[in-house]
């Protein structure tokens, strides 16, 4: 699976990874340790991504207990918080992501009804 090139900052996405008719999603999940709520948020996010995004996503988990300075960049005030970095605009969803419909609307994968 040689689709991603490796750099100092980790894997880089190549043009072939992104098709013109479907956007690629970069999602950051901010957590504070391995709490039940953090683990639930990650499990819910992974399930939603697999069902609705196919292979068009990358999840970055940021543990603020290990790297608290990273909260400032995305202005994180509560955890867990999901930040959609790509495609623009940046969107944030706070909570354990158990309300699938709310997450899909928040990620612009489903229109508001």
PDB file of N, CA and C in Angstrom:
ATOM      1  N   UNK A   1       0.828  -1.181   0.000  1.00  0.00           N
ATOM      2  CA  UNK A   1       0.000   0.000   0.000  1.00  0.00           C
ATOM      3  C   UNK A   1       0.872   1.243   0.000  1.00  0.00           C
ATOM      4  N   UNK A   2       1.502   1.525  -1.085  1.00  0.00           N
ATOM      5  CA  UNK A   2       2.412   2.648  -1.149  1.00  0.00           C
ATOM      6  C   UNK A   2       1.753   3.934  -1.575  1.00  0.00           C
ATOM      7  N   UNK A   3       0.568   4.228  -1.069  1.00  0.00           N
ATOM      8  CA  UNK A   3      -0.135   5.438  -1.468  1.00  0.00           C
ATOM      9  C   UNK A   3       0.379   6.690  -0.770  1.00  0.00           C
ATOM     10  N   UNK A   4       0.950   6.557   0.414  1.00  0.00           N
ATOM     11  CA  UNK A   4       1.357   7.734   1.180  1.00  0.00           C
ATOM     12  C   UNK A   4       2.871   7.837   1.218  1.00  0.00           C
ATOM     13  N   UNK A   5       3.359   9.033   1.008  1.00  0.00           N
ATOM     14  CA  UNK A   5       4.786   9.298   1.132  1.00  0.00           C
ATOM     15  C   UNK A   5       5.071   9.644   2.588  1.00  0.00           C
ATOM     16  N   UNK A   6       6.230   9.303   3.064  1.00  0.00           N
ATOM     17  CA  UNK A   6       6.583   9.574   4.455  1.00  0.00           C
ATOM     18  C   UNK A   6       7.443  10.828   4.512  1.00  0.00           C
ATOM     19  N   UNK A   7       7.171  11.697   5.453  1.00  0.00           N
ATOM     20  CA  UNK A   7       7.988  12.883   5.683  1.00  0.00           C
ATOM     21  C   UNK A   7       8.262  12.986   7.171  1.00  0.00           C
ATOM     22  N   UNK A   8       8.960  14.037   7.566  1.00  0.00           N
ATOM     23  CA  UNK A   8       9.246  14.227   8.992  1.00  0.00           C
ATOM     24  C   UNK A   8       7.965  14.405   9.796  1.00  0.00           C
ATOM     25  N   UNK A   9       6.921  14.925   9.171  1.00  0.00           N
ATOM     26  CA  UNK A   9       5.666  15.196   9.859  1.00  0.00           C
ATOM     27  C   UNK A   9       4.681  14.044   9.757  1.00  0.00           C
ATOM     28  N   UNK A  10       5.099  12.907   9.214  1.00  0.00           N
ATOM     29  CA  UNK A  10       4.201  11.768   9.075  1.00  0.00           C
ATOM     30  C   UNK A  10       3.794  11.596   7.630  1.00  0.00           C
ATOM     31  N   UNK A  11       2.774  10.769   7.386  1.00  0.00           N
ATOM     32  CA  UNK A  11       2.375  10.498   6.004  1.00  0.00           C
ATOM     33  C   UNK A  11       1.806  11.740   5.330  1.00  0.00           C
ATOM     34  N   UNK A  12       2.125  11.888   4.070  1.00  0.00           N
ATOM     35  CA  UNK A  12       1.562  12.986   3.283  1.00  0.00           C
ATOM     36  C   UNK A  12       0.580  12.397   2.292  1.00  0.00           C
ATOM     37  N   UNK A  13      -0.493  13.141   2.038  1.00  0.00           N
ATOM     38  CA  UNK A  13      -1.472  12.685   1.076  1.00  0.00           C
ATOM     39  C   UNK A  13      -0.992  13.035  -0.324  1.00  0.00           C
ATOM     40  N   UNK A  14      -1.156  12.111  -1.217  1.00  0.00           N
ATOM     41  CA  UNK A  14      -0.790  12.347  -2.597  1.00  0.00           C
ATOM     42  C   UNK A  14      -2.045  12.648  -3.402  1.00  0.00           C
ATOM     43  N   UNK A  15      -1.865  13.235  -4.573  1.00  0.00           N
ATOM     44  CA  UNK A  15      -2.993  13.576  -5.428  1.00  0.00           C
ATOM     45  C   UNK A  15      -3.886  12.360  -5.687  1.00  0.00           C
ATOM     46  N   UNK A  16      -3.279  11.198  -5.884  1.00  0.00           N
ATOM     47  CA  UNK A  16      -4.057  10.005  -6.212  1.00  0.00           C
ATOM     48  C   UNK A  16      -4.954   9.558  -5.056  1.00  0.00           C
ATOM     49  N   UNK A  17      -4.654  10.027  -3.834  1.00  0.00           N
ATOM     50  CA  UNK A  17      -5.481   9.664  -2.691  1.00  0.00           C
ATOM     51  C   UNK A  17      -6.817  10.397  -2.693  1.00  0.00           C
ATOM     52  N   UNK A  18      -6.867  11.507  -3.382  1.00  0.00           N
ATOM     53  CA  UNK A  18      -8.061  12.336  -3.370  1.00  0.00           C
ATOM     54  C   UNK A  18      -8.659  12.398  -4.765  1.00  0.00           C
ATOM     55  N   UNK A  19      -9.910  11.979  -4.877  1.00  0.00           N
ATOM     56  CA  UNK A  19     -10.577  12.079  -6.159  1.00  0.00           C
ATOM     57  C   UNK A  19     -11.244  13.432  -6.255  1.00  0.00           C
ATOM     58  N   UNK A  20     -11.446  13.913  -7.465  1.00  0.00           N
ATOM     59  CA  UNK A  20     -11.962  15.262  -7.643  1.00  0.00           C
ATOM     60  C   UNK A  20     -13.413  15.397  -7.195  1.00  0.00           C
ATOM     61  N   UNK A  21     -14.192  14.301  -7.251  1.00  0.00           N
ATOM     62  CA  UNK A  21     -15.605  14.414  -6.911  1.00  0.00           C
ATOM     63  C   UNK A  21     -15.889  14.121  -5.440  1.00  0.00           C
ATOM     64  N   UNK A  22     -14.906  13.644  -4.697  1.00  0.00           N
ATOM     65  CA  UNK A  22     -15.106  13.357  -3.288  1.00  0.00           C
ATOM     66  C   UNK A  22     -13.987  13.989  -2.478  1.00  0.00           C
ATOM     67  N   UNK A  23     -14.388  14.700  -1.405  1.00  0.00           N
ATOM     68  CA  UNK A  23     -13.404  15.396  -0.594  1.00  0.00           C
ATOM     69  C   UNK A  23     -12.776  14.458   0.429  1.00  0.00           C
ATOM     70  N   UNK A  24     -11.530  14.773   0.801  1.00  0.00           N
ATOM     71  CA  UNK A  24     -10.815  14.032   1.832  1.00  0.00           C
ATOM     72  C   UNK A  24     -10.984  14.779   3.148  1.00  0.00           C
ATOM     73  N   UNK A  25     -11.218  14.049   4.226  1.00  0.00           N
ATOM     74  CA  UNK A  25     -11.463  14.641   5.535  1.00  0.00           C
ATOM     75  C   UNK A  25     -10.278  14.400   6.456  1.00  0.00           C
ATOM     76  N   UNK A  26      -9.794  15.472   7.066  1.00  0.00           N
ATOM     77  CA  UNK A  26      -8.797  15.361   8.124  1.00  0.00           C
ATOM     78  C   UNK A  26      -9.494  15.796   9.407  1.00  0.00           C
ATOM     79  N   UNK A  27      -9.582  14.863  10.345  1.00  0.00           N
ATOM     80  CA  UNK A  27     -10.317  15.074  11.585  1.00  0.00           C
ATOM     81  C   UNK A  27      -9.376  14.939  12.766  1.00  0.00           C
ATOM     82  N   UNK A  28      -9.453  15.901  13.679  1.00  0.00           N
ATOM     83  CA  UNK A  28      -8.667  15.838  14.913  1.00  0.00           C
ATOM     84  C   UNK A  28      -9.617  15.649  16.074  1.00  0.00           C
ATOM     85  N   UNK A  29      -9.337  14.633  16.874  1.00  0.00           N
ATOM     86  CA  UNK A  29     -10.125  14.389  18.065  1.00  0.00           C
ATOM     87  C   UNK A  29      -9.266  14.733  19.275  1.00  0.00           C
ATOM     88  N   UNK A  30      -9.652  15.774  19.986  1.00  0.00           N
ATOM     89  CA  UNK A  30      -8.944  16.195  21.198  1.00  0.00           C
ATOM     90  C   UNK A  30      -9.557  15.484  22.395  1.00  0.00           C
ATOM     91  N   UNK A  31      -8.706  14.802  23.177  1.00  0.00           N
ATOM     92  CA  UNK A  31      -9.145  14.077  24.358  1.00  0.00           C
ATOM     93  C   UNK A  31      -8.227  14.436  25.529  1.00  0.00           C
ATOM     94  N   UNK A  32      -8.620  13.992  26.724  1.00  0.00           N
ATOM     95  CA  UNK A  32      -7.782  14.186  27.910  1.00  0.00           C
ATOM     96  C   UNK A  32      -7.610  12.832  28.568  1.00  0.00           C
ATOM     97  N   UNK A  33      -6.652  12.068  28.072  1.00  0.00           N
ATOM     98  CA  UNK A  33      -6.395  10.749  28.620  1.00  0.00           C
ATOM     99  C   UNK A  33      -7.326   9.694  28.048  1.00  0.00           C
ATOM    100  N   UNK A  34      -7.213   8.494  28.600  1.00  0.00           N
ATOM    101  CA  UNK A  34      -7.994   7.348  28.134  1.00  0.00           C
ATOM    102  C   UNK A  34      -9.258   7.197  28.981  1.00  0.00           C
ATOM    103  N   UNK A  35     -10.066   8.241  29.062  1.00  0.00           N
ATOM    104  CA  UNK A  35     -11.294   8.175  29.842  1.00  0.00           C
ATOM    105  C   UNK A  35     -12.369   7.433  29.048  1.00  0.00           C
ATOM    106  N   UNK A  36     -13.425   7.043  29.749  1.00  0.00           N
ATOM    107  CA  UNK A  36     -14.529   6.346  29.078  1.00  0.00           C
ATOM    108  C   UNK A  36     -15.128   7.236  27.985  1.00  0.00           C
ATOM    109  N   UNK A  37     -15.283   8.507  28.285  1.00  0.00           N
ATOM    110  CA  UNK A  37     -15.873   9.425  27.309  1.00  0.00           C
ATOM    111  C   UNK A  37     -14.965   9.592  26.085  1.00  0.00           C
ATOM    112  N   UNK A  38     -13.662   9.663  26.304  1.00  0.00           N
ATOM    113  CA  UNK A  38     -12.711   9.792  25.198  1.00  0.00           C
ATOM    114  C   UNK A  38     -12.721   8.548  24.316  1.00  0.00           C
ATOM    115  N   UNK A  39     -12.714   7.378  24.935  1.00  0.00           N
ATOM    116  CA  UNK A  39     -12.734   6.124  24.188  1.00  0.00           C
ATOM    117  C   UNK A  39     -14.038   5.960  23.415  1.00  0.00           C
ATOM    118  N   UNK A  40     -15.146   6.374  24.033  1.00  0.00           N
ATOM    119  CA  UNK A  40     -16.446   6.317  23.361  1.00  0.00           C
ATOM    120  C   UNK A  40     -16.464   7.249  22.159  1.00  0.00           C
ATOM    121  N   UNK A  41     -15.929   8.458  22.331  1.00  0.00           N
ATOM    122  CA  UNK A  41     -15.882   9.425  21.222  1.00  0.00           C
ATOM    123  C   UNK A  41     -15.076   8.868  20.059  1.00  0.00           C
ATOM    124  N   UNK A  42     -13.923   8.254  20.347  1.00  0.00           N
ATOM    125  CA  UNK A  42     -13.099   7.699  19.277  1.00  0.00           C
ATOM    126  C   UNK A  42     -13.816   6.554  18.564  1.00  0.00           C
ATOM    127  N   UNK A  43     -14.429   5.662  19.333  1.00  0.00           N
ATOM    128  CA  UNK A  43     -15.147   4.528  18.736  1.00  0.00           C
ATOM    129  C   UNK A  43     -16.302   5.015  17.863  1.00  0.00           C
ATOM    130  N   UNK A  44     -17.045   6.000  18.360  1.00  0.00           N
ATOM    131  CA  UNK A  44     -18.162   6.551  17.586  1.00  0.00           C
ATOM    132  C   UNK A  44     -17.666   7.221  16.306  1.00  0.00           C
ATOM    133  N   UNK A  45     -16.581   7.983  16.408  1.00  0.00           N
ATOM    134  CA  UNK A  45     -16.031   8.671  15.241  1.00  0.00           C
ATOM    135  C   UNK A  45     -15.558   7.665  14.194  1.00  0.00           C
ATOM    136  N   UNK A  46     -14.849   6.645  14.630  1.00  0.00           N
ATOM    137  CA  UNK A  46     -14.342   5.638  13.697  1.00  0.00           C
ATOM    138  C   UNK A  46     -15.495   4.953  12.960  1.00  0.00           C
ATOM    139  N   UNK A  47     -16.537   4.615  13.687  1.00  0.00           N
ATOM    140  CA  UNK A  47     -17.704   3.965  13.086  1.00  0.00           C
ATOM    141  C   UNK A  47     -18.363   4.882  12.056  1.00  0.00           C
ATOM    142  N   UNK A  48     -18.552   6.140  12.402  1.00  0.00           N
ATOM    143  CA  UNK A  48     -19.176   7.100  11.487  1.00  0.00           C
ATOM    144  C   UNK A  48     -18.323   7.268  10.234  1.00  0.00           C
ATOM    145  N   UNK A  49     -17.017   7.391  10.404  1.00  0.00           N
ATOM    146  CA  UNK A  49     -16.114   7.563   9.259  1.00  0.00           C
ATOM    147  C   UNK A  49     -16.140   6.350   8.341  1.00  0.00           C
ATOM    148  N   UNK A  50     -16.115   5.158   8.919  1.00  0.00           N
ATOM    149  CA  UNK A  50     -16.119   3.944   8.102  1.00  0.00           C
ATOM    150  C   UNK A  50     -17.418   3.799   7.326  1.00  0.00           C
ATOM    151  N   UNK A  51     -18.533   4.190   7.937  1.00  0.00           N
ATOM    152  CA  UNK A  51     -19.835   4.054   7.287  1.00  0.00           C
ATOM    153  C   UNK A  51     -20.100   5.134   6.244  1.00  0.00           C
ATOM    154  N   UNK A  52     -19.587   6.361   6.476  1.00  0.00           N
ATOM    155  CA  UNK A  52     -19.984   7.483   5.636  1.00  0.00           C
ATOM    156  C   UNK A  52     -18.860   8.098   4.799  1.00  0.00           C
ATOM    157  N   UNK A  53     -17.608   7.789   5.111  1.00  0.00           N
ATOM    158  CA  UNK A  53     -16.495   8.394   4.381  1.00  0.00           C
ATOM    159  C   UNK A  53     -15.626   7.388   3.642  1.00  0.00           C
ATOM    160  N   UNK A  54     -15.913   6.103   3.795  1.00  0.00           N
ATOM    161  CA  UNK A  54     -15.073   5.106   3.132  1.00  0.00           C
ATOM    162  C   UNK A  54     -13.621   5.297   3.549  1.00  0.00           C
ATOM    163  N   UNK A  55     -12.726   5.367   2.616  1.00  0.00           N
ATOM    164  CA  UNK A  55     -11.314   5.575   2.930  1.00  0.00           C
ATOM    165  C   UNK A  55     -10.885   7.016   2.781  1.00  0.00           C
ATOM    166  N   UNK A  56     -11.831   7.942   2.773  1.00  0.00           N
ATOM    167  CA  UNK A  56     -11.526   9.345   2.510  1.00  0.00           C
ATOM    168  C   UNK A  56     -11.334  10.160   3.788  1.00  0.00           C
ATOM    169  N   UNK A  57     -10.666   9.602   4.776  1.00  0.00           N
ATOM    170  CA  UNK A  57     -10.487  10.334   6.025  1.00  0.00           C
ATOM    171  C   UNK A  57      -9.196   9.929   6.709  1.00  0.00           C
ATOM    172  N   UNK A  58      -8.735  10.820   7.578  1.00  0.00           N
ATOM    173  CA  UNK A  58      -7.629  10.523   8.491  1.00  0.00           C
ATOM    174  C   UNK A  58      -8.017  11.108   9.842  1.00  0.00           C
ATOM    175  N   UNK A  59      -7.880  10.298  10.881  1.00  0.00           N
ATOM    176  CA  UNK A  59      -8.187  10.745  12.244  1.00  0.00           C
ATOM    177  C   UNK A  59      -6.871  10.949  12.978  1.00  0.00           C
ATOM    178  N   UNK A  60      -6.725  12.123  13.571  1.00  0.00           N
ATOM    179  CA  UNK A  60      -5.572  12.424  14.425  1.00  0.00           C
ATOM    180  C   UNK A  60      -6.107  12.576  15.844  1.00  0.00           C
ATOM    181  N   UNK A  61      -5.639  11.757  16.766  1.00  0.00           N
ATOM    182  CA  UNK A  61      -6.060  11.857  18.164  1.00  0.00           C
ATOM    183  C   UNK A  61      -4.998  12.650  18.911  1.00  0.00           C
ATOM    184  N   UNK A  62      -5.421  13.732  19.554  1.00  0.00           N
ATOM    185  CA  UNK A  62      -4.529  14.602  20.311  1.00  0.00           C
ATOM    186  C   UNK A  62      -4.902  14.477  21.787  1.00  0.00           C
ATOM    187  N   UNK A  63      -3.981  13.932  22.592  1.00  0.00           N
ATOM    188  CA  UNK A  63      -4.205  13.795  24.026  1.00  0.00           C
ATOM    189  C   UNK A  63      -3.645  15.038  24.714  1.00  0.00           C
ATOM    190  N   UNK A  64      -4.540  15.853  25.245  1.00  0.00           N
ATOM    191  CA  UNK A  64      -4.128  17.118  25.850  1.00  0.00           C
ATOM    192  C   UNK A  64      -3.427  16.935  27.193  1.00  0.00           C
ATOM    193  N   UNK A  65      -3.494  15.747  27.781  1.00  0.00           N
ATOM    194  CA  UNK A  65      -2.708  15.490  28.992  1.00  0.00           C
ATOM    195  C   UNK A  65      -1.225  15.386  28.631  1.00  0.00           C
ATOM    196  N   UNK A  66      -0.947  14.895  27.424  1.00  0.00           N
ATOM    197  CA  UNK A  66       0.437  14.764  26.964  1.00  0.00           C
ATOM    198  C   UNK A  66       0.940  16.034  26.278  1.00  0.00           C
ATOM    199  N   UNK A  67       0.053  16.730  25.566  1.00  0.00           N
ATOM    200  CA  UNK A  67       0.432  17.927  24.792  1.00  0.00           C
ATOM    201  C   UNK A  67      -0.575  19.046  25.012  1.00  0.00           C
ATOM    202  N   UNK A  68      -0.634  19.626  26.213  1.00  0.00           N
ATOM    203  CA  UNK A  68      -1.657  20.653  26.490  1.00  0.00           C
ATOM    204  C   UNK A  68      -1.531  21.899  25.618  1.00  0.00           C
ATOM    205  N   UNK A  69      -0.319  22.187  25.138  1.00  0.00           N
ATOM    206  CA  UNK A  69      -0.122  23.376  24.316  1.00  0.00           C
ATOM    207  C   UNK A  69      -0.862  23.284  22.985  1.00  0.00           C
ATOM    208  N   UNK A  70      -1.216  22.084  22.545  1.00  0.00           N
ATOM    209  CA  UNK A  70      -1.900  21.919  21.264  1.00  0.00           C
ATOM    210  C   UNK A  70      -3.356  22.385  21.298  1.00  0.00           C
ATOM    211  N   UNK A  71      -3.910  22.571  22.488  1.00  0.00           N
ATOM    212  CA  UNK A  71      -5.290  23.041  22.619  1.00  0.00           C
ATOM    213  C   UNK A  71      -5.444  24.463  22.102  1.00  0.00           C
ATOM    214  N   UNK A  72      -4.404  25.257  22.211  1.00  0.00           N
ATOM    215  CA  UNK A  72      -4.480  26.664  21.827  1.00  0.00           C
ATOM    216  C   UNK A  72      -4.719  26.852  20.331  1.00  0.00           C
ATOM    217  N   UNK A  73      -4.046  26.050  19.500  1.00  0.00           N
ATOM    218  CA  UNK A  73      -4.142  26.209  18.053  1.00  0.00           C
ATOM    219  C   UNK A  73      -5.556  26.091  17.522  1.00  0.00           C
ATOM    220  N   UNK A  74      -6.322  25.142  18.038  1.00  0.00           N
ATOM    221  CA  UNK A  74      -7.706  24.952  17.593  1.00  0.00           C
ATOM    222  C   UNK A  74      -8.711  25.514  18.598  1.00  0.00           C
ATOM    223  N   UNK A  75      -8.229  26.263  19.573  1.00  0.00           N
ATOM    224  CA  UNK A  75      -9.070  26.897  20.590  1.00  0.00           C
ATOM    225  C   UNK A  75     -10.012  25.896  21.252  1.00  0.00           C
ATOM    226  N   UNK A  76      -9.418  24.848  21.826  1.00  0.00           N
ATOM    227  CA  UNK A  76     -10.181  23.786  22.477  1.00  0.00           C
ATOM    228  C   UNK A  76     -10.495  24.197  23.910  1.00  0.00           C
ATOM    229  N   UNK A  77     -11.785  24.205  24.240  1.00  0.00           N
ATOM    230  CA  UNK A  77     -12.219  24.600  25.576  1.00  0.00           C
ATOM    231  C   UNK A  77     -12.791  23.433  26.371  1.00  0.00           C
ATOM    232  N   UNK A  78     -13.165  22.349  25.696  1.00  0.00           N
ATOM    233  CA  UNK A  78     -13.749  21.178  26.353  1.00  0.00           C
ATOM    234  C   UNK A  78     -13.279  19.932  25.611  1.00  0.00           C
ATOM    235  N   UNK A  79     -13.291  18.803  26.309  1.00  0.00           N
ATOM    236  CA  UNK A  79     -12.925  17.539  25.663  1.00  0.00           C
ATOM    237  C   UNK A  79     -13.984  16.495  25.994  1.00  0.00           C
ATOM    238  N   UNK A  80     -14.210  15.537  25.121  1.00  0.00           N
ATOM    239  CA  UNK A  80     -13.613  15.444  23.793  1.00  0.00           C
ATOM    240  C   UNK A  80     -14.212  16.461  22.820  1.00  0.00           C
ATOM    241  N   UNK A  81     -13.375  16.938  21.910  1.00  0.00           N
ATOM    242  CA  UNK A  81     -13.804  17.836  20.842  1.00  0.00           C
ATOM    243  C   UNK A  81     -13.258  17.313  19.526  1.00  0.00           C
ATOM    244  N   UNK A  82     -14.140  17.246  18.535  1.00  0.00           N
ATOM    245  CA  UNK A  82     -13.751  16.858  17.188  1.00  0.00           C
ATOM    246  C   UNK A  82     -13.606  18.122  16.351  1.00  0.00           C
ATOM    247  N   UNK A  83     -12.478  18.238  15.651  1.00  0.00           N
ATOM    248  CA  UNK A  83     -12.247  19.375  14.763  1.00  0.00           C
ATOM    249  C   UNK A  83     -12.076  18.839  13.344  1.00  0.00           C
ATOM    250  N   UNK A  84     -12.908  19.326  12.440  1.00  0.00           N
ATOM    251  CA  UNK A  84     -12.745  18.980  11.023  1.00  0.00           C
ATOM    252  C   UNK A  84     -11.798  20.006  10.421  1.00  0.00           C
ATOM    253  N   UNK A  85     -10.568  19.571  10.108  1.00  0.00           N
ATOM    254  CA  UNK A  85      -9.551  20.463   9.544  1.00  0.00           C
ATOM    255  C   UNK A  85      -9.738  20.621   8.037  1.00  0.00           C
ATOM    256  N   UNK A  86     -10.029  19.526   7.351  1.00  0.00           N
ATOM    257  CA  UNK A  86     -10.306  19.531   5.921  1.00  0.00           C
ATOM    258  C   UNK A  86     -11.558  18.710   5.684  1.00  0.00           C
ATOM    259  N   UNK A  87     -12.377  19.054   4.736  1.00  0.00           N
ATOM    260  CA  UNK A  87     -12.330  20.238   3.882  1.00  0.00           C
ATOM    261  C   UNK A  87     -12.768  21.477   4.648  1.00  0.00           C
ATOM    262  N   UNK A  88     -12.331  22.656   4.179  1.00  0.00           N
ATOM    263  CA  UNK A  88     -12.741  23.894   4.838  1.00  0.00           C
ATOM    264  C   UNK A  88     -14.246  24.094   4.691  1.00  0.00           C
ATOM    265  N   UNK A  89     -14.870  24.843   5.563  1.00  0.00           N
ATOM    266  CA  UNK A  89     -14.298  25.546   6.709  1.00  0.00           C
ATOM    267  C   UNK A  89     -14.092  24.591   7.884  1.00  0.00           C
ATOM    268  N   UNK A  90     -13.266  25.037   8.842  1.00  0.00           N
ATOM    269  CA  UNK A  90     -13.033  24.257  10.060  1.00  0.00           C
ATOM    270  C   UNK A  90     -14.339  24.190  10.844  1.00  0.00           C
ATOM    271  N   UNK A  91     -14.670  22.992  11.329  1.00  0.00           N
ATOM    272  CA  UNK A  91     -15.878  22.796  12.131  1.00  0.00           C
ATOM    273  C   UNK A  91     -15.499  22.082  13.418  1.00  0.00           C
ATOM    274  N   UNK A  92     -16.261  22.325  14.496  1.00  0.00           N
ATOM    275  CA  UNK A  92     -16.001  21.688  15.790  1.00  0.00           C
ATOM    276  C   UNK A  92     -17.275  21.057  16.325  1.00  0.00           C
ATOM    277  N   UNK A  93     -17.099  19.886  16.924  1.00  0.00           N
ATOM    278  CA  UNK A  93     -18.206  19.195  17.578  1.00  0.00           C
ATOM    279  C   UNK A  93     -17.695  18.745  18.942  1.00  0.00           C
ATOM    280  N   UNK A  94     -18.400  19.131  19.993  1.00  0.00           N
ATOM    281  CA  UNK A  94     -18.001  18.793  21.355  1.00  0.00           C
ATOM    282  C   UNK A  94     -18.866  17.649  21.865  1.00  0.00           C
ATOM    283  N   UNK A  95     -18.248  16.689  22.551  1.00  0.00           N
ATOM    284  CA  UNK A  95     -18.995  15.598  23.165  1.00  0.00           C
ATOM    285  C   UNK A  95     -18.479  14.247  22.726  1.00  0.00           C
ATOM    286  N   UNK A  96     -19.206  13.186  23.116  1.00  0.00           N
ATOM    287  CA  UNK A  96     -18.738  11.827  22.833  1.00  0.00           C
ATOM    288  C   UNK A  96     -19.161  11.312  21.460  1.00  0.00           C
ATOM    289  N   UNK A  97     -19.794  12.164  20.655  1.00  0.00           N
ATOM    290  CA  UNK A  97     -20.161  11.863  19.267  1.00  0.00           C
ATOM    291  C   UNK A  97     -21.153  10.706  19.177  1.00  0.00           C
ATOM    292  N   UNK A  98     -21.954  10.503  20.221  1.00  0.00           N
ATOM    293  CA  UNK A  98     -22.919   9.405  20.231  1.00  0.00           C
ATOM    294  C   UNK A  98     -24.160   9.718  19.402  1.00  0.00           C
ATOM    295  N   UNK A  99     -24.443  11.000  19.156  1.00  0.00           N
ATOM    296  CA  UNK A  99     -25.577  11.381  18.323  1.00  0.00           C
ATOM    297  C   UNK A  99     -25.095  11.432  16.870  1.00  0.00           C
ATOM    298  N   UNK A 100     -25.221  10.309  16.180  1.00  0.00           N
ATOM    299  CA  UNK A 100     -24.697  10.177  14.816  1.00  0.00           C
ATOM    300  C   UNK A 100     -25.264  11.243  13.895  1.00  0.00           C
ATOM    301  N   UNK A 101     -26.544  11.502  13.985  1.00  0.00           N
ATOM    302  CA  UNK A 101     -27.185  12.496  13.105  1.00  0.00           C
ATOM    303  C   UNK A 101     -26.552  13.876  13.301  1.00  0.00           C
ATOM    304  N   UNK A 102     -26.322  14.252  14.555  1.00  0.00           N
ATOM    305  CA  UNK A 102     -25.713  15.551  14.853  1.00  0.00           C
ATOM    306  C   UNK A 102     -24.290  15.629  14.305  1.00  0.00           C
ATOM    307  N   UNK A 103     -23.544  14.540  14.415  1.00  0.00           N
ATOM    308  CA  UNK A 103     -22.174  14.508  13.902  1.00  0.00           C
ATOM    309  C   UNK A 103     -22.180  14.631  12.377  1.00  0.00           C
ATOM    310  N   UNK A 104     -23.069  13.906  11.717  1.00  0.00           N
ATOM    311  CA  UNK A 104     -23.145  13.967  10.249  1.00  0.00           C
ATOM    312  C   UNK A 104     -23.495  15.373   9.767  1.00  0.00           C
ATOM    313  N   UNK A 105     -24.413  16.034  10.452  1.00  0.00           N
ATOM    314  CA  UNK A 105     -24.762  17.413  10.107  1.00  0.00           C
ATOM    315  C   UNK A 105     -23.570  18.331  10.395  1.00  0.00           C
ATOM    316  N   UNK A 106     -22.904  18.120  11.529  1.00  0.00           N
ATOM    317  CA  UNK A 106     -21.758  18.942  11.902  1.00  0.00           C
ATOM    318  C   UNK A 106     -20.590  18.808  10.944  1.00  0.00           C
ATOM    319  N   UNK A 107     -20.437  17.635  10.337  1.00  0.00           N
ATOM    320  CA  UNK A 107     -19.361  17.413   9.369  1.00  0.00           C
ATOM    321  C   UNK A 107     -19.794  17.747   7.942  1.00  0.00           C
ATOM    322  N   UNK A 108     -21.013  18.243   7.779  1.00  0.00           N
ATOM    323  CA  UNK A 108     -21.601  18.554   6.470  1.00  0.00           C
ATOM    324  C   UNK A 108     -21.741  17.313   5.596  1.00  0.00           C
ATOM    325  N   UNK A 109     -21.981  16.180   6.221  1.00  0.00           N
ATOM    326  CA  UNK A 109     -22.225  14.950   5.466  1.00  0.00           C
ATOM    327  C   UNK A 109     -23.718  14.720   5.265  1.00  0.00           C
ATOM    328  N   UNK A 110     -24.538  15.450   5.991  1.00  0.00           N
ATOM    329  CA  UNK A 110     -25.977  15.357   5.856  1.00  0.00           C
ATOM    330  C   UNK A 110     -26.564  16.738   6.074  1.00  0.00           C
ATOM    331  N   UNK A 111     -27.517  17.156   5.235  1.00  0.00           N
ATOM    332  CA  UNK A 111     -28.101  18.493   5.408  1.00  0.00           C
ATOM    333  C   UNK A 111     -28.944  18.587   6.676  1.00  0.00           C
ATOM    334  N   UNK A 112     -29.065  19.797   7.209  1.00  0.00           N
ATOM    335  CA  UNK A 112     -29.904  20.052   8.374  1.00  0.00           C
ATOM    336  C   UNK A 112     -31.347  19.866   7.956  1.00  0.00           C
ATOM    337  N   UNK A 113     -32.100  19.115   8.748  1.00  0.00           N
ATOM    338  CA  UNK A 113     -33.517  18.879   8.391  1.00  0.00           C
ATOM    339  C   UNK A 113     -34.426  19.713   9.240  1.00  0.00           C
TER     340      UNK A 113
END
